[in-house]
Amino acid sequence: MKKKTLEHATAKKILQAAEQVFLAKGFEGSSINMIADKAKIHKSLIYHHFKSKERLWKAVKTNLLEIHIGKEVSQLDYPMDSFKNFLQSLLTLHFEFYDKNPTIVRFVLWQRLERITDEIQGVSEERLNTIAPQIKEFQDRGEVRSDLNPYMVSYIIMKTVSLPFMDPPEFFRGPDVQQYKQTFLEMIIEGLYLAFSVQKTSNDSNYPRIYSL
């Protein structure tokens, strides 16, 4: 086996072992020794390939994203022809991404629990969830309410779609789970669109209100 091929195989073995250990123990509860034992290699090989536990944690997350979606969610293109199509595409993609990738959800939960710093976490929730520039563009085009901070709109949208996977409700279990998930997705698409889009109402106001300030 050629040297490069062998090194690639070793790095892959380390990543697989590290993923299992990190998922079970979190970042703080894991150690290089644990990962070396899991991979059945000497810990010096881990330092050779990844230098530190922090870099290994970031490498595991990046590897998971590459395996499951090929590239970062933040690099994916969403239709910009209308806010409605943009919102529907984005929410559907992220909802399905969380639903199909419980491993990544567990990594995110560990990061929240342990309050892992930006330097350690690598591909962060913020990088995955930043859609403020697109929201600002729709505001400039008159499709999204201009009285709202685009970063706040981005935050609400992305937290809403991730919430049922970070803190699963009871109705996301059982025989009718797929029906409930589809209904939930449709409701948040419709609800968020109505909350943030510019719409004419009977009193000629551009901003629909459920409440009065």
N, C-alpha and C. Protein backbone atom coordinates (compact mmCIF):
# COMPACT_ATOMS: atom_id res chain seq x y z
N MET A 1 0.85 -1.20 0.00
CA MET A 1 0.00 0.00 0.00
C MET A 1 0.88 1.25 0.00
N LYS A 2 0.60 2.17 -0.94
CA LYS A 2 1.40 3.38 -1.03
C LYS A 2 1.23 4.23 0.23
N LYS A 3 2.25 5.07 0.49
CA LYS A 3 2.25 5.86 1.72
C LYS A 3 1.03 6.77 1.81
N LYS A 4 0.69 7.49 0.70
CA LYS A 4 -0.44 8.40 0.74
C LYS A 4 -1.75 7.67 0.97
N THR A 5 -1.88 6.51 0.35
CA THR A 5 -3.10 5.71 0.52
C THR A 5 -3.21 5.23 1.96
N LEU A 6 -2.09 4.83 2.53
CA LEU A 6 -2.07 4.36 3.91
C LEU A 6 -2.43 5.50 4.87
N GLU A 7 -1.87 6.68 4.62
CA GLU A 7 -2.16 7.82 5.48
C GLU A 7 -3.63 8.22 5.39
N HIS A 8 -4.18 8.15 4.19
CA HIS A 8 -5.60 8.47 4.01
C HIS A 8 -6.47 7.48 4.77
N ALA A 9 -6.12 6.21 4.70
CA ALA A 9 -6.88 5.18 5.40
C ALA A 9 -6.80 5.37 6.91
N THR A 10 -5.63 5.76 7.38
CA THR A 10 -5.46 5.99 8.82
C THR A 10 -6.27 7.19 9.28
N ALA A 11 -6.23 8.27 8.50
CA ALA A 11 -7.00 9.47 8.84
C ALA A 11 -8.49 9.16 8.87
N LYS A 12 -8.95 8.38 7.91
CA LYS A 12 -10.36 8.00 7.86
C LYS A 12 -10.75 7.17 9.08
N LYS A 13 -9.87 6.27 9.46
CA LYS A 13 -10.10 5.43 10.64
C LYS A 13 -10.19 6.28 11.91
N ILE A 14 -9.32 7.28 12.00
CA ILE A 14 -9.33 8.18 13.15
C ILE A 14 -10.64 8.98 13.20
N LEU A 15 -11.06 9.50 12.05
CA LEU A 15 -12.30 10.27 11.98
C LEU A 15 -13.50 9.44 12.41
N GLN A 16 -13.55 8.21 11.97
CA GLN A 16 -14.67 7.33 12.32
C GLN A 16 -14.69 7.04 13.82
N ALA A 17 -13.53 6.79 14.38
CA ALA A 17 -13.44 6.52 15.82
C ALA A 17 -13.77 7.78 16.62
N ALA A 18 -13.25 8.91 16.17
CA ALA A 18 -13.50 10.18 16.87
C ALA A 18 -14.98 10.54 16.85
N GLU A 19 -15.64 10.29 15.73
CA GLU A 19 -17.08 10.57 15.64
C GLU A 19 -17.85 9.80 16.71
N GLN A 20 -17.54 8.52 16.86
CA GLN A 20 -18.23 7.69 17.86
C GLN A 20 -17.97 8.18 19.28
N VAL A 21 -16.72 8.52 19.56
CA VAL A 21 -16.36 8.96 20.91
C VAL A 21 -16.97 10.33 21.21
N PHE A 22 -16.87 11.26 20.27
CA PHE A 22 -17.43 12.60 20.48
C PHE A 22 -18.94 12.56 20.67
N LEU A 23 -19.62 11.72 19.90
CA LEU A 23 -21.07 11.62 20.02
C LEU A 23 -21.49 11.06 21.37
N ALA A 24 -20.69 10.15 21.89
CA ALA A 24 -21.02 9.52 23.18
C ALA A 24 -20.62 10.40 24.36
N LYS A 25 -19.50 11.11 24.23
CA LYS A 25 -18.93 11.83 25.38
C LYS A 25 -18.95 13.35 25.26
N GLY A 26 -19.17 13.86 24.06
CA GLY A 26 -19.03 15.29 23.86
C GLY A 26 -17.57 15.67 23.71
N PHE A 27 -17.30 16.96 23.53
CA PHE A 27 -15.91 17.40 23.37
C PHE A 27 -15.15 17.33 24.69
N GLU A 28 -15.73 17.91 25.73
CA GLU A 28 -15.03 17.97 27.02
C GLU A 28 -14.82 16.58 27.63
N GLY A 29 -15.78 15.68 27.42
CA GLY A 29 -15.69 14.36 28.03
C GLY A 29 -14.83 13.37 27.26
N SER A 30 -14.33 13.78 26.11
CA SER A 30 -13.51 12.90 25.28
C SER A 30 -12.03 13.20 25.45
N SER A 31 -11.21 12.25 25.07
CA SER A 31 -9.76 12.45 25.12
C SER A 31 -9.11 11.77 23.92
N ILE A 32 -7.92 12.20 23.61
CA ILE A 32 -7.16 11.58 22.52
C ILE A 32 -6.92 10.11 22.81
N ASN A 33 -6.68 9.79 24.08
CA ASN A 33 -6.47 8.39 24.46
C ASN A 33 -7.70 7.53 24.15
N MET A 34 -8.88 8.06 24.46
CA MET A 34 -10.12 7.33 24.16
C MET A 34 -10.26 7.06 22.67
N ILE A 35 -9.96 8.08 21.89
CA ILE A 35 -10.10 7.96 20.43
C ILE A 35 -9.07 6.99 19.88
N ALA A 36 -7.86 7.05 20.40
CA ALA A 36 -6.81 6.12 19.97
C ALA A 36 -7.19 4.68 20.30
N ASP A 37 -7.75 4.47 21.48
CA ASP A 37 -8.19 3.13 21.87
C ASP A 37 -9.30 2.64 20.95
N LYS A 38 -10.23 3.53 20.63
CA LYS A 38 -11.34 3.17 19.76
C LYS A 38 -10.85 2.80 18.36
N ALA A 39 -9.87 3.56 17.87
CA ALA A 39 -9.33 3.32 16.53
C ALA A 39 -8.29 2.21 16.51
N LYS A 40 -7.87 1.79 17.71
CA LYS A 40 -6.83 0.76 17.85
C LYS A 40 -5.53 1.19 17.17
N ILE A 41 -5.12 2.42 17.46
CA ILE A 41 -3.86 2.95 16.95
C ILE A 41 -3.16 3.69 18.08
N HIS A 42 -1.90 4.05 17.86
CA HIS A 42 -1.17 4.84 18.85
C HIS A 42 -1.61 6.30 18.73
N LYS A 43 -1.72 6.98 19.85
CA LYS A 43 -2.22 8.36 19.84
C LYS A 43 -1.31 9.31 19.07
N SER A 44 -0.05 8.95 18.90
CA SER A 44 0.86 9.81 18.14
C SER A 44 0.39 9.99 16.69
N LEU A 45 -0.30 8.96 16.17
CA LEU A 45 -0.83 9.06 14.80
C LEU A 45 -1.95 10.10 14.71
N ILE A 46 -2.71 10.23 15.78
CA ILE A 46 -3.77 11.24 15.80
C ILE A 46 -3.16 12.64 15.76
N TYR A 47 -2.12 12.85 16.57
CA TYR A 47 -1.45 14.15 16.58
C TYR A 47 -0.77 14.41 15.24
N HIS A 48 -0.28 13.37 14.60
CA HIS A 48 0.37 13.51 13.29
C HIS A 48 -0.62 14.03 12.25
N HIS A 49 -1.83 13.48 12.27
CA HIS A 49 -2.82 13.84 11.25
C HIS A 49 -3.63 15.08 11.60
N PHE A 50 -3.92 15.30 12.89
CA PHE A 50 -4.86 16.36 13.26
C PHE A 50 -4.32 17.37 14.28
N LYS A 51 -3.14 17.15 14.80
CA LYS A 51 -2.44 18.09 15.68
C LYS A 51 -3.04 18.24 17.07
N SER A 52 -4.38 18.27 17.19
CA SER A 52 -4.99 18.49 18.50
C SER A 52 -6.42 17.96 18.51
N LYS A 53 -6.97 17.84 19.71
CA LYS A 53 -8.37 17.40 19.84
C LYS A 53 -9.31 18.43 19.21
N GLU A 54 -8.97 19.71 19.33
CA GLU A 54 -9.81 20.76 18.77
C GLU A 54 -9.90 20.63 17.25
N ARG A 55 -8.76 20.43 16.61
CA ARG A 55 -8.76 20.28 15.15
C ARG A 55 -9.47 19.01 14.72
N LEU A 56 -9.36 17.98 15.52
CA LEU A 56 -10.03 16.72 15.20
C LEU A 56 -11.55 16.90 15.28
N TRP A 57 -12.02 17.62 16.29
CA TRP A 57 -13.46 17.89 16.42
C TRP A 57 -13.98 18.61 15.18
N LYS A 58 -13.25 19.63 14.74
CA LYS A 58 -13.66 20.38 13.55
C LYS A 58 -13.62 19.50 12.31
N ALA A 59 -12.62 18.65 12.22
CA ALA A 59 -12.49 17.77 11.06
C ALA A 59 -13.64 16.77 10.99
N VAL A 60 -14.06 16.27 12.14
CA VAL A 60 -15.18 15.32 12.18
C VAL A 60 -16.45 15.99 11.67
N LYS A 61 -16.73 17.20 12.13
CA LYS A 61 -17.93 17.92 11.69
C LYS A 61 -17.89 18.21 10.20
N THR A 62 -16.75 18.69 9.72
CA THR A 62 -16.62 18.98 8.29
C THR A 62 -16.80 17.72 7.46
N ASN A 63 -16.23 16.62 7.92
CA ASN A 63 -16.35 15.35 7.23
C ASN A 63 -17.81 14.89 7.15
N LEU A 64 -18.54 15.06 8.24
CA LEU A 64 -19.95 14.67 8.27
C LEU A 64 -20.76 15.47 7.24
N LEU A 65 -20.49 16.76 7.16
CA LEU A 65 -21.21 17.59 6.20
C LEU A 65 -20.89 17.18 4.77
N GLU A 66 -19.63 16.90 4.50
CA GLU A 66 -19.24 16.49 3.16
C GLU A 66 -19.88 15.16 2.77
N ILE A 67 -19.99 14.26 3.74
CA ILE A 67 -20.60 12.96 3.47
C ILE A 67 -22.08 13.10 3.16
N HIS A 68 -22.77 13.92 3.96
CA HIS A 68 -24.23 13.96 3.87
C HIS A 68 -24.77 14.92 2.82
N ILE A 69 -24.08 16.03 2.57
CA ILE A 69 -24.62 16.97 1.59
C ILE A 69 -23.60 17.41 0.54
N GLY A 70 -22.38 16.96 0.63
CA GLY A 70 -21.39 17.26 -0.39
C GLY A 70 -20.71 18.60 -0.23
N LYS A 71 -21.42 19.58 0.34
CA LYS A 71 -20.84 20.89 0.59
C LYS A 71 -21.65 21.55 1.68
N GLU A 72 -21.15 22.66 2.20
CA GLU A 72 -21.82 23.32 3.31
C GLU A 72 -23.20 23.82 2.89
N VAL A 73 -24.14 23.75 3.82
CA VAL A 73 -25.48 24.25 3.57
C VAL A 73 -25.43 25.72 3.19
N SER A 74 -24.49 26.45 3.80
CA SER A 74 -24.38 27.89 3.53
C SER A 74 -23.95 28.18 2.09
N GLN A 75 -23.43 27.17 1.38
CA GLN A 75 -22.98 27.36 0.01
C GLN A 75 -24.04 26.94 -1.00
N LEU A 76 -25.14 26.39 -0.55
CA LEU A 76 -26.19 25.96 -1.45
C LEU A 76 -26.96 27.16 -1.98
N ASP A 77 -27.46 27.01 -3.20
CA ASP A 77 -28.20 28.09 -3.84
C ASP A 77 -29.70 27.89 -3.63
N TYR A 78 -30.37 28.96 -3.24
CA TYR A 78 -31.82 28.94 -3.09
C TYR A 78 -32.42 29.87 -4.13
N PRO A 79 -33.61 29.55 -4.64
CA PRO A 79 -34.23 30.42 -5.65
C PRO A 79 -34.49 31.81 -5.09
N MET A 80 -34.12 32.82 -5.87
CA MET A 80 -34.28 34.20 -5.42
C MET A 80 -35.34 34.93 -6.25
N ASP A 81 -36.14 34.19 -7.02
CA ASP A 81 -37.16 34.83 -7.85
C ASP A 81 -38.28 35.44 -7.02
N SER A 82 -38.53 34.85 -5.84
CA SER A 82 -39.54 35.41 -4.93
C SER A 82 -39.23 34.96 -3.52
N PHE A 83 -39.68 35.76 -2.53
CA PHE A 83 -39.44 35.40 -1.14
C PHE A 83 -40.16 34.10 -0.79
N LYS A 84 -41.34 33.90 -1.34
CA LYS A 84 -42.10 32.68 -1.06
C LYS A 84 -41.35 31.44 -1.51
N ASN A 85 -40.83 31.46 -2.73
CA ASN A 85 -40.08 30.30 -3.24
C ASN A 85 -38.78 30.10 -2.48
N PHE A 86 -38.12 31.21 -2.14
CA PHE A 86 -36.89 31.14 -1.35
C PHE A 86 -37.15 30.48 -0.01
N LEU A 87 -38.19 30.94 0.69
CA LEU A 87 -38.50 30.43 2.02
C LEU A 87 -38.90 28.96 1.96
N GLN A 88 -39.72 28.60 0.99
CA GLN A 88 -40.15 27.21 0.88
C GLN A 88 -38.98 26.29 0.59
N SER A 89 -38.09 26.69 -0.31
CA SER A 89 -36.93 25.87 -0.65
C SER A 89 -35.98 25.73 0.52
N LEU A 90 -35.68 26.85 1.18
CA LEU A 90 -34.74 26.84 2.30
C LEU A 90 -35.26 26.00 3.47
N LEU A 91 -36.50 26.23 3.86
CA LEU A 91 -37.06 25.50 5.00
C LEU A 91 -37.18 24.01 4.71
N THR A 92 -37.57 23.67 3.49
CA THR A 92 -37.69 22.25 3.13
C THR A 92 -36.33 21.57 3.17
N LEU A 93 -35.31 22.22 2.61
CA LEU A 93 -33.98 21.63 2.59
C LEU A 93 -33.44 21.44 4.00
N HIS A 94 -33.55 22.47 4.83
CA HIS A 94 -33.02 22.37 6.19
C HIS A 94 -33.80 21.37 7.03
N PHE A 95 -35.11 21.36 6.87
CA PHE A 95 -35.94 20.41 7.62
C PHE A 95 -35.54 18.98 7.27
N GLU A 96 -35.41 18.69 5.98
CA GLU A 96 -35.02 17.34 5.55
C GLU A 96 -33.59 17.02 5.96
N PHE A 97 -32.72 18.04 5.96
CA PHE A 97 -31.33 17.83 6.37
C PHE A 97 -31.26 17.40 7.82
N TYR A 98 -31.94 18.11 8.71
CA TYR A 98 -31.96 17.74 10.12
C TYR A 98 -32.61 16.38 10.33
N ASP A 99 -33.68 16.12 9.59
CA ASP A 99 -34.42 14.87 9.75
C ASP A 99 -33.58 13.66 9.36
N LYS A 100 -32.77 13.82 8.31
CA LYS A 100 -31.98 12.70 7.79
C LYS A 100 -30.60 12.57 8.45
N ASN A 101 -30.21 13.57 9.24
CA ASN A 101 -28.85 13.58 9.79
C ASN A 101 -28.85 13.78 11.31
N PRO A 102 -29.37 12.82 12.05
CA PRO A 102 -29.38 12.94 13.51
C PRO A 102 -27.99 13.05 14.13
N THR A 103 -26.98 12.52 13.43
CA THR A 103 -25.62 12.61 13.94
C THR A 103 -25.17 14.07 14.05
N ILE A 104 -25.45 14.85 13.02
CA ILE A 104 -25.07 16.26 13.04
C ILE A 104 -25.88 17.01 14.09
N VAL A 105 -27.14 16.65 14.24
CA VAL A 105 -27.97 17.27 15.28
C VAL A 105 -27.35 17.04 16.65
N ARG A 106 -26.86 15.83 16.89
CA ARG A 106 -26.25 15.52 18.19
C ARG A 106 -24.97 16.32 18.41
N PHE A 107 -24.20 16.55 17.36
CA PHE A 107 -23.01 17.39 17.49
C PHE A 107 -23.39 18.81 17.87
N VAL A 108 -24.43 19.33 17.23
CA VAL A 108 -24.89 20.68 17.54
C VAL A 108 -25.35 20.77 18.99
N LEU A 109 -26.08 19.75 19.45
CA LEU A 109 -26.55 19.74 20.83
C LEU A 109 -25.39 19.71 21.82
N TRP A 110 -24.35 18.94 21.53
CA TRP A 110 -23.16 18.92 22.39
C TRP A 110 -22.52 20.31 22.44
N GLN A 111 -22.46 20.98 21.29
CA GLN A 111 -21.85 22.31 21.25
C GLN A 111 -22.63 23.30 22.11
N ARG A 112 -23.95 23.20 22.05
CA ARG A 112 -24.78 24.09 22.87
C ARG A 112 -24.60 23.79 24.35
N LEU A 113 -24.60 22.51 24.68
CA LEU A 113 -24.49 22.09 26.08
C LEU A 113 -23.16 22.52 26.68
N GLU A 114 -22.09 22.35 25.91
CA GLU A 114 -20.75 22.63 26.42
C GLU A 114 -20.28 24.05 26.11
N ARG A 115 -21.12 24.81 25.40
CA ARG A 115 -20.77 26.19 25.03
C ARG A 115 -19.40 26.25 24.36
N ILE A 116 -19.23 25.43 23.37
CA ILE A 116 -17.95 25.34 22.66
C ILE A 116 -17.69 26.64 21.89
N THR A 117 -16.47 27.12 21.96
CA THR A 117 -16.10 28.40 21.35
C THR A 117 -16.04 28.28 19.84
N ASP A 118 -16.08 29.44 19.17
CA ASP A 118 -16.03 29.47 17.71
C ASP A 118 -14.76 28.83 17.18
N GLU A 119 -13.65 29.00 17.91
CA GLU A 119 -12.37 28.46 17.46
C GLU A 119 -12.39 26.93 17.40
N ILE A 120 -13.19 26.32 18.27
CA ILE A 120 -13.22 24.86 18.34
C ILE A 120 -14.30 24.27 17.46
N GLN A 121 -15.45 24.91 17.38
CA GLN A 121 -16.59 24.24 16.77
C GLN A 121 -16.49 24.08 15.27
N GLY A 122 -15.67 24.87 14.59
CA GLY A 122 -15.52 24.68 13.15
C GLY A 122 -16.73 25.23 12.41
N VAL A 123 -17.43 24.34 11.67
CA VAL A 123 -18.62 24.75 10.94
C VAL A 123 -19.73 24.98 11.95
N SER A 124 -20.02 26.23 12.23
CA SER A 124 -20.96 26.57 13.29
C SER A 124 -22.39 26.65 12.79
N GLU A 125 -23.31 26.69 13.74
CA GLU A 125 -24.72 26.88 13.39
C GLU A 125 -24.90 28.21 12.67
N GLU A 126 -24.17 29.22 13.11
CA GLU A 126 -24.32 30.54 12.52
C GLU A 126 -23.94 30.52 11.04
N ARG A 127 -22.85 29.81 10.72
CA ARG A 127 -22.43 29.74 9.32
C ARG A 127 -23.44 28.95 8.49
N LEU A 128 -24.00 27.91 9.08
CA LEU A 128 -25.00 27.14 8.37
C LEU A 128 -26.29 27.93 8.19
N ASN A 129 -26.58 28.81 9.11
CA ASN A 129 -27.90 29.43 9.17
C ASN A 129 -27.94 30.89 8.76
N THR A 130 -26.87 31.42 8.21
CA THR A 130 -26.84 32.83 7.86
C THR A 130 -27.55 33.07 6.53
N ILE A 131 -28.73 33.67 6.60
CA ILE A 131 -29.46 34.05 5.39
C ILE A 131 -29.81 35.53 5.43
N ALA A 132 -29.19 36.27 6.34
CA ALA A 132 -29.48 37.70 6.46
C ALA A 132 -29.25 38.48 5.16
N PRO A 133 -28.18 38.20 4.39
CA PRO A 133 -27.99 38.93 3.14
C PRO A 133 -29.15 38.73 2.16
N GLN A 134 -29.67 37.50 2.09
CA GLN A 134 -30.80 37.25 1.20
C GLN A 134 -32.05 37.96 1.69
N ILE A 135 -32.26 37.95 3.02
CA ILE A 135 -33.41 38.65 3.58
C ILE A 135 -33.33 40.15 3.26
N LYS A 136 -32.13 40.72 3.39
CA LYS A 136 -31.93 42.15 3.09
C LYS A 136 -32.26 42.43 1.62
N GLU A 137 -31.89 41.53 0.73
CA GLU A 137 -32.19 41.72 -0.69
C GLU A 137 -33.70 41.73 -0.92
N PHE A 138 -34.41 40.82 -0.27
CA PHE A 138 -35.87 40.80 -0.42
C PHE A 138 -36.51 42.05 0.20
N GLN A 139 -35.91 42.58 1.26
CA GLN A 139 -36.40 43.84 1.82
C GLN A 139 -36.22 44.97 0.82
N ASP A 140 -35.07 45.02 0.18
CA ASP A 140 -34.79 46.06 -0.81
C ASP A 140 -35.74 45.96 -2.01
N ARG A 141 -36.19 44.73 -2.29
CA ARG A 141 -37.12 44.51 -3.41
C ARG A 141 -38.58 44.70 -3.00
N GLY A 142 -38.80 44.99 -1.72
CA GLY A 142 -40.15 45.24 -1.25
C GLY A 142 -40.97 44.00 -0.98
N GLU A 143 -40.32 42.84 -0.82
CA GLU A 143 -41.05 41.59 -0.57
C GLU A 143 -41.06 41.20 0.90
N VAL A 144 -40.10 41.71 1.67
CA VAL A 144 -40.03 41.41 3.10
C VAL A 144 -40.12 42.73 3.86
N ARG A 145 -40.79 42.70 4.98
CA ARG A 145 -41.01 43.90 5.79
C ARG A 145 -39.69 44.61 6.11
N SER A 146 -39.66 45.88 5.79
CA SER A 146 -38.44 46.67 5.99
C SER A 146 -38.26 47.14 7.42
N ASP A 147 -39.29 46.97 8.25
CA ASP A 147 -39.18 47.42 9.64
C ASP A 147 -38.49 46.40 10.53
N LEU A 148 -38.08 45.27 9.97
CA LEU A 148 -37.46 44.20 10.74
C LEU A 148 -35.97 44.09 10.46
N ASN A 149 -35.21 43.77 11.48
CA ASN A 149 -33.78 43.53 11.33
C ASN A 149 -33.59 42.21 10.57
N PRO A 150 -32.87 42.21 9.44
CA PRO A 150 -32.72 40.98 8.66
C PRO A 150 -32.05 39.85 9.43
N TYR A 151 -31.19 40.20 10.38
CA TYR A 151 -30.55 39.16 11.19
C TYR A 151 -31.54 38.53 12.16
N MET A 152 -32.49 39.32 12.64
CA MET A 152 -33.53 38.78 13.50
C MET A 152 -34.44 37.85 12.71
N VAL A 153 -34.80 38.25 11.50
CA VAL A 153 -35.63 37.41 10.63
C VAL A 153 -34.92 36.10 10.34
N SER A 154 -33.63 36.19 10.01
CA SER A 154 -32.82 35.00 9.75
C SER A 154 -32.80 34.07 10.96
N TYR A 155 -32.59 34.65 12.13
CA TYR A 155 -32.53 33.88 13.37
C TYR A 155 -33.84 33.13 13.63
N ILE A 156 -34.96 33.83 13.50
CA ILE A 156 -36.26 33.22 13.77
C ILE A 156 -36.55 32.09 12.79
N ILE A 157 -36.26 32.32 11.52
CA ILE A 157 -36.51 31.29 10.51
C ILE A 157 -35.71 30.03 10.79
N MET A 158 -34.41 30.19 11.04
CA MET A 158 -33.55 29.02 11.18
C MET A 158 -33.75 28.31 12.51
N LYS A 159 -34.04 29.04 13.55
CA LYS A 159 -34.31 28.40 14.84
C LYS A 159 -35.63 27.64 14.81
N THR A 160 -36.60 28.18 14.08
CA THR A 160 -37.90 27.52 13.98
C THR A 160 -37.78 26.17 13.28
N VAL A 161 -37.01 26.11 12.21
CA VAL A 161 -36.91 24.86 11.46
C VAL A 161 -36.06 23.82 12.18
N SER A 162 -35.14 24.25 13.03
CA SER A 162 -34.28 23.29 13.74
C SER A 162 -34.87 22.82 15.06
N LEU A 163 -35.78 23.61 15.64
CA LEU A 163 -36.29 23.33 16.98
C LEU A 163 -36.84 21.92 17.17
N PRO A 164 -37.70 21.39 16.28
CA PRO A 164 -38.27 20.06 16.54
C PRO A 164 -37.26 18.93 16.51
N PHE A 165 -36.06 19.20 15.99
CA PHE A 165 -35.03 18.16 15.97
C PHE A 165 -34.07 18.31 17.15
N MET A 166 -33.90 19.55 17.61
CA MET A 166 -33.07 19.78 18.79
C MET A 166 -33.82 19.41 20.07
N ASP A 167 -35.13 19.59 20.04
CA ASP A 167 -35.97 19.27 21.20
C ASP A 167 -37.24 18.59 20.69
N PRO A 168 -37.15 17.30 20.30
CA PRO A 168 -38.25 16.62 19.61
C PRO A 168 -39.55 16.58 20.42
N PRO A 169 -40.66 16.99 19.82
CA PRO A 169 -41.95 16.92 20.50
C PRO A 169 -42.49 15.49 20.49
N GLU A 170 -43.45 15.24 21.34
CA GLU A 170 -44.02 13.90 21.45
C GLU A 170 -44.66 13.45 20.14
N PHE A 171 -45.27 14.39 19.40
CA PHE A 171 -45.94 14.00 18.16
C PHE A 171 -44.97 13.70 17.01
N PHE A 172 -43.66 13.86 17.25
CA PHE A 172 -42.67 13.45 16.26
C PHE A 172 -42.25 12.00 16.48
N ARG A 173 -43.03 11.29 17.27
CA ARG A 173 -42.78 9.87 17.50
C ARG A 173 -44.06 9.10 17.18
N GLY A 174 -43.94 7.82 16.90
CA GLY A 174 -45.12 7.02 16.67
C GLY A 174 -45.39 6.75 15.20
N PRO A 175 -46.46 6.04 14.91
CA PRO A 175 -46.74 5.58 13.54
C PRO A 175 -47.06 6.69 12.55
N ASP A 176 -47.58 7.82 13.03
CA ASP A 176 -47.97 8.91 12.13
C ASP A 176 -46.93 10.02 12.05
N VAL A 177 -45.70 9.71 12.40
CA VAL A 177 -44.66 10.73 12.50
C VAL A 177 -44.43 11.46 11.18
N GLN A 178 -44.41 10.74 10.05
CA GLN A 178 -44.15 11.39 8.76
C GLN A 178 -45.25 12.38 8.39
N GLN A 179 -46.48 12.02 8.70
CA GLN A 179 -47.59 12.94 8.44
C GLN A 179 -47.47 14.20 9.29
N TYR A 180 -47.11 14.02 10.56
CA TYR A 180 -46.95 15.16 11.45
C TYR A 180 -45.78 16.05 11.01
N LYS A 181 -44.70 15.43 10.56
CA LYS A 181 -43.55 16.21 10.10
C LYS A 181 -43.92 17.04 8.88
N GLN A 182 -44.65 16.44 7.94
CA GLN A 182 -45.06 17.17 6.75
C GLN A 182 -45.99 18.33 7.11
N THR A 183 -46.91 18.08 8.02
CA THR A 183 -47.83 19.13 8.46
C THR A 183 -47.07 20.25 9.16
N PHE A 184 -46.12 19.89 10.01
CA PHE A 184 -45.31 20.88 10.72
C PHE A 184 -44.55 21.75 9.73
N LEU A 185 -43.93 21.13 8.73
CA LEU A 185 -43.17 21.87 7.73
C LEU A 185 -44.07 22.84 6.97
N GLU A 186 -45.22 22.37 6.55
CA GLU A 186 -46.15 23.23 5.82
C GLU A 186 -46.61 24.41 6.67
N MET A 187 -46.83 24.16 7.95
CA MET A 187 -47.30 25.23 8.84
C MET A 187 -46.23 26.30 9.07
N ILE A 188 -44.97 25.89 9.23
CA ILE A 188 -43.94 26.90 9.47
C ILE A 188 -43.64 27.69 8.19
N ILE A 189 -43.74 27.04 7.03
CA ILE A 189 -43.55 27.77 5.77
C ILE A 189 -44.62 28.85 5.64
N GLU A 190 -45.87 28.45 5.84
CA GLU A 190 -46.98 29.39 5.72
C GLU A 190 -46.92 30.48 6.79
N GLY A 191 -46.66 30.07 8.03
CA GLY A 191 -46.65 31.02 9.13
C GLY A 191 -45.54 32.05 9.02
N LEU A 192 -44.34 31.60 8.67
CA LEU A 192 -43.22 32.52 8.56
C LEU A 192 -43.37 33.44 7.35
N TYR A 193 -43.95 32.90 6.28
CA TYR A 193 -44.18 33.75 5.11
C TYR A 193 -45.16 34.88 5.45
N LEU A 194 -46.24 34.54 6.13
CA LEU A 194 -47.23 35.55 6.52
C LEU A 194 -46.64 36.56 7.50
N ALA A 195 -45.75 36.10 8.38
CA ALA A 195 -45.17 36.98 9.39
C ALA A 195 -44.21 38.00 8.80
N PHE A 196 -43.45 37.61 7.77
CA PHE A 196 -42.37 38.47 7.29
C PHE A 196 -42.61 39.11 5.93
N SER A 197 -43.54 38.61 5.16
CA SER A 197 -43.74 39.15 3.82
C SER A 197 -44.56 40.42 3.85
N VAL A 198 -44.37 41.24 2.84
CA VAL A 198 -45.15 42.47 2.68
C VAL A 198 -46.45 42.11 1.97
N GLN A 199 -47.57 42.37 2.63
CA GLN A 199 -48.87 42.04 2.05
C GLN A 199 -49.83 43.19 2.28
N LYS A 200 -50.65 43.47 1.28
CA LYS A 200 -51.68 44.49 1.42
C LYS A 200 -52.83 43.93 2.25
N THR A 201 -53.29 44.70 3.21
CA THR A 201 -54.42 44.29 4.02
C THR A 201 -55.59 45.25 3.78
N SER A 202 -56.70 44.98 4.41
CA SER A 202 -57.91 45.78 4.18
C SER A 202 -57.72 47.25 4.54
N ASN A 203 -56.86 47.54 5.50
CA ASN A 203 -56.63 48.93 5.89
C ASN A 203 -55.42 49.53 5.17
N ASP A 204 -55.01 48.85 4.08
CA ASP A 204 -53.92 49.33 3.21
C ASP A 204 -52.58 49.37 3.92
N SER A 205 -52.40 48.58 4.96
CA SER A 205 -51.11 48.49 5.65
C SER A 205 -50.26 47.42 4.99
N ASN A 206 -48.99 47.67 4.83
CA ASN A 206 -48.09 46.69 4.22
C ASN A 206 -47.70 45.59 5.19
N TYR A 207 -47.93 45.79 6.47
CA TYR A 207 -47.42 44.87 7.46
C TYR A 207 -48.56 44.18 8.22
N PRO A 208 -48.82 42.91 7.92
CA PRO A 208 -49.88 42.20 8.64
C PRO A 208 -49.54 42.11 10.12
N ARG A 209 -50.55 42.29 10.95
CA ARG A 209 -50.32 42.24 12.39
C ARG A 209 -51.32 41.30 13.05
N ILE A 210 -50.85 40.43 13.90
CA ILE A 210 -51.72 39.60 14.71
C ILE A 210 -51.97 40.32 16.03
N TYR A 211 -51.04 41.20 16.40
CA TYR A 211 -51.10 41.92 17.66
C TYR A 211 -50.87 43.39 17.40
N SER A 212 -51.14 44.21 18.36
CA SER A 212 -50.88 45.64 18.24
C SER A 212 -49.87 46.06 19.29
N LEU A 213 -48.93 46.91 18.88
CA LEU A 213 -47.89 47.37 19.80
C LEU A 213 -48.38 48.60 20.56
